[in-house]
C-alpha atoms as a PDB file:
ATOM      1  CA  MET A   1       0.000   0.000   0.000  1.00  0.00           C
ATOM      2  CA  GLY A   2       1.310   3.450  -0.851  1.00  0.00           C
ATOM      3  CA  GLU A   3       2.635   5.557   2.013  1.00  0.00           C
ATOM      4  CA  ALA A   4      -0.077   8.200   1.500  1.00  0.00           C
ATOM      5  CA  TYR A   5      -2.721   5.587   2.326  1.00  0.00           C
ATOM      6  CA  THR A   6      -1.179   3.995   5.429  1.00  0.00           C
ATOM      7  CA  ASN A   7      -2.483   4.474   8.981  1.00  0.00           C
ATOM      8  CA  LYS A   8      -6.036   5.121   7.760  1.00  0.00           C
ATOM      9  CA  GLY A   9      -7.512   1.693   8.514  1.00  0.00           C
ATOM     10  CA  ILE A  10      -7.960   0.847   4.838  1.00  0.00           C
ATOM     11  CA  MET A  11      -6.155  -2.498   4.986  1.00  0.00           C
ATOM     12  CA  THR A  12      -7.962  -3.546   8.167  1.00  0.00           C
ATOM     13  CA  LEU A  13     -11.363  -2.731   6.642  1.00  0.00           C
ATOM     14  CA  THR A  14     -10.438  -4.527   3.421  1.00  0.00           C
ATOM     15  CA  CYS A  15      -9.273  -7.640   5.268  1.00  0.00           C
ATOM     16  CA  ALA A  16     -12.418  -7.625   7.420  1.00  0.00           C
ATOM     17  CA  ALA A  17     -14.569  -7.528   4.281  1.00  0.00           C
ATOM     18  CA  MET A  18     -12.604 -10.419   2.780  1.00  0.00           C
ATOM     19  CA  VAL A  19     -12.916 -12.477   5.977  1.00  0.00           C
ATOM     20  CA  ASN A  20     -16.673 -11.810   6.044  1.00  0.00           C
ATOM     21  CA  TYR A  21     -16.894 -13.015   2.449  1.00  0.00           C
ATOM     22  CA  ALA A  22     -14.818 -16.117   3.224  1.00  0.00           C
ATOM     23  CA  PHE A  23     -16.978 -17.104   6.177  1.00  0.00           C
ATOM     24  CA  HIS A  24     -20.447 -15.990   5.068  1.00  0.00           C
ATOM     25  CA  GLU A  25     -20.366 -16.520   1.309  1.00  0.00           C
ATOM     26  CA  LEU A  26     -17.757 -19.228   0.785  1.00  0.00           C
ATOM     27  CA  GLU A  27     -18.607 -20.932   4.104  1.00  0.00           C
ATOM     28  CA  LEU A  28     -14.948 -21.544   4.929  1.00  0.00           C
ATOM     29  CA  ASN A  29     -14.078 -22.646   8.451  1.00  0.00           C
ATOM     30  CA  LYS A  30     -10.726 -20.894   8.807  1.00  0.00           C
ATOM     31  CA  VAL A  31      -8.840 -17.933   7.378  1.00  0.00           C
ATOM     32  CA  GLU A  32      -5.084 -17.457   7.701  1.00  0.00           C
ATOM     33  CA  ILE A  33      -2.980 -14.362   7.166  1.00  0.00           C
ATOM     34  CA  LYS A  34       0.795 -14.612   6.773  1.00  0.00           C
ATOM     35  CA  THR A  35       3.060 -11.642   7.415  1.00  0.00           C
ATOM     36  CA  ALA A  36       6.796 -11.082   7.213  1.00  0.00           C
ATOM     37  CA  VAL A  37       8.405 -11.523  10.634  1.00  0.00           C
ATOM     38  CA  LYS A  38       9.884  -8.024  10.562  1.00  0.00           C
ATOM     39  CA  ASN A  39       6.755  -6.283   9.216  1.00  0.00           C
ATOM     40  CA  LYS A  40       5.036  -5.131  12.403  1.00  0.00           C
ATOM     41  CA  LYS A  41       2.482  -2.942  10.560  1.00  0.00           C
ATOM     42  CA  SER A  42       1.257  -5.936   8.574  1.00  0.00           C
ATOM     43  CA  ALA A  43       1.063  -8.067  11.727  1.00  0.00           C
ATOM     44  CA  ALA A  44      -1.086  -5.392  13.374  1.00  0.00           C
ATOM     45  CA  VAL A  45      -3.900  -6.016  10.862  1.00  0.00           C
ATOM     46  CA  PRO A  46      -4.766  -9.605  11.876  1.00  0.00           C
ATOM     47  CA  GLU A  47      -4.157  -8.717  15.521  1.00  0.00           C
ATOM     48  CA  ARG A  48      -6.721  -5.872  15.306  1.00  0.00           C
ATOM     49  CA  LEU A  49      -9.201  -8.276  13.691  1.00  0.00           C
ATOM     50  CA  GLY A  50      -8.915 -10.816  16.507  1.00  0.00           C
ATOM     51  CA  PHE A  51      -6.775 -13.403  14.723  1.00  0.00           C
ATOM     52  CA  LYS A  52      -4.607 -15.619  16.912  1.00  0.00           C
ATOM     53  CA  HIS A  53      -0.862 -15.948  16.327  1.00  0.00           C
ATOM     54  CA  GLU A  54      -0.405 -19.598  15.396  1.00  0.00           C
ATOM     55  CA  GLY A  55       3.331 -19.696  14.838  1.00  0.00           C
ATOM     56  CA  THR A  56       6.280 -18.852  12.684  1.00  0.00           C
ATOM     57  CA  ILE A  57       7.012 -20.674   9.444  1.00  0.00           C
ATOM     58  CA  ARG A  58      10.744 -20.768   8.905  1.00  0.00           C
ATOM     59  CA  ALA A  59      12.252 -20.174   5.465  1.00  0.00           C
ATOM     60  CA  ASP A  60       8.800 -19.700   3.945  1.00  0.00           C
ATOM     61  CA  GLU A  61       9.641 -17.386   1.059  1.00  0.00           C
ATOM     62  CA  VAL A  62      12.609 -16.396  -1.055  1.00  0.00           C
ATOM     63  CA  ILE A  63      12.829 -12.767  -2.148  1.00  0.00           C
ATOM     64  CA  GLY A  64      15.871 -12.107  -4.263  1.00  0.00           C
ATOM     65  CA  ASP A  65      18.734 -13.895  -2.541  1.00  0.00           C
ATOM     66  CA  THR A  66      17.205 -13.801   0.935  1.00  0.00           C
ATOM     67  CA  ILE A  67      15.058 -16.404   2.659  1.00  0.00           C
ATOM     68  CA  HIS A  68      12.350 -14.947   4.891  1.00  0.00           C
ATOM     69  CA  ASP A  69      10.345 -16.351   7.789  1.00  0.00           C
ATOM     70  CA  ARG A  70       6.606 -15.712   8.079  1.00  0.00           C
ATOM     71  CA  GLU A  71       4.245 -15.233  11.005  1.00  0.00           C
ATOM     72  CA  VAL A  72       0.927 -17.066  10.662  1.00  0.00           C
ATOM     73  CA  TYR A  73      -2.290 -15.712  12.137  1.00  0.00           C
ATOM     74  CA  GLY A  74      -5.571 -17.608  12.004  1.00  0.00           C
ATOM     75  CA  ILE A  75      -9.211 -17.216  12.913  1.00  0.00           C
ATOM     76  CA  LEU A  76     -12.063 -19.727  12.868  1.00  0.00           C
ATOM     77  CA  ARG A  77     -15.582 -18.973  11.711  1.00  0.00           C
ATOM     78  CA  ALA A  78     -16.869 -19.576  15.250  1.00  0.00           C
ATOM     79  CA  GLU A  79     -14.481 -16.886  16.537  1.00  0.00           C
ATOM     80  CA  TRP A  80     -15.471 -14.254  13.954  1.00  0.00           C
ATOM     81  CA  ASP A  81     -18.112 -11.952  15.415  1.00  0.00           C
ATOM     82  CA  ARG A  82     -18.690  -9.451  12.611  1.00  0.00           C
END
């Protein structure tokens, strides 16, 4: 997301809409969000939405010549109250 649009709640609202769609329209039981370990702003989105931190996946993605770990956040349909 462009810098001019950060800290306005846009990503949180967008993710909430997508989670609603996943649970209410697609009838999924679980949604996961993965974030880069060092990206605290991205991790704040699932945390604000009530997702639980489920763990860290080591060496999950290669970007250029660097291997990155990912944090995994999850929420179950029964836990989603929106």
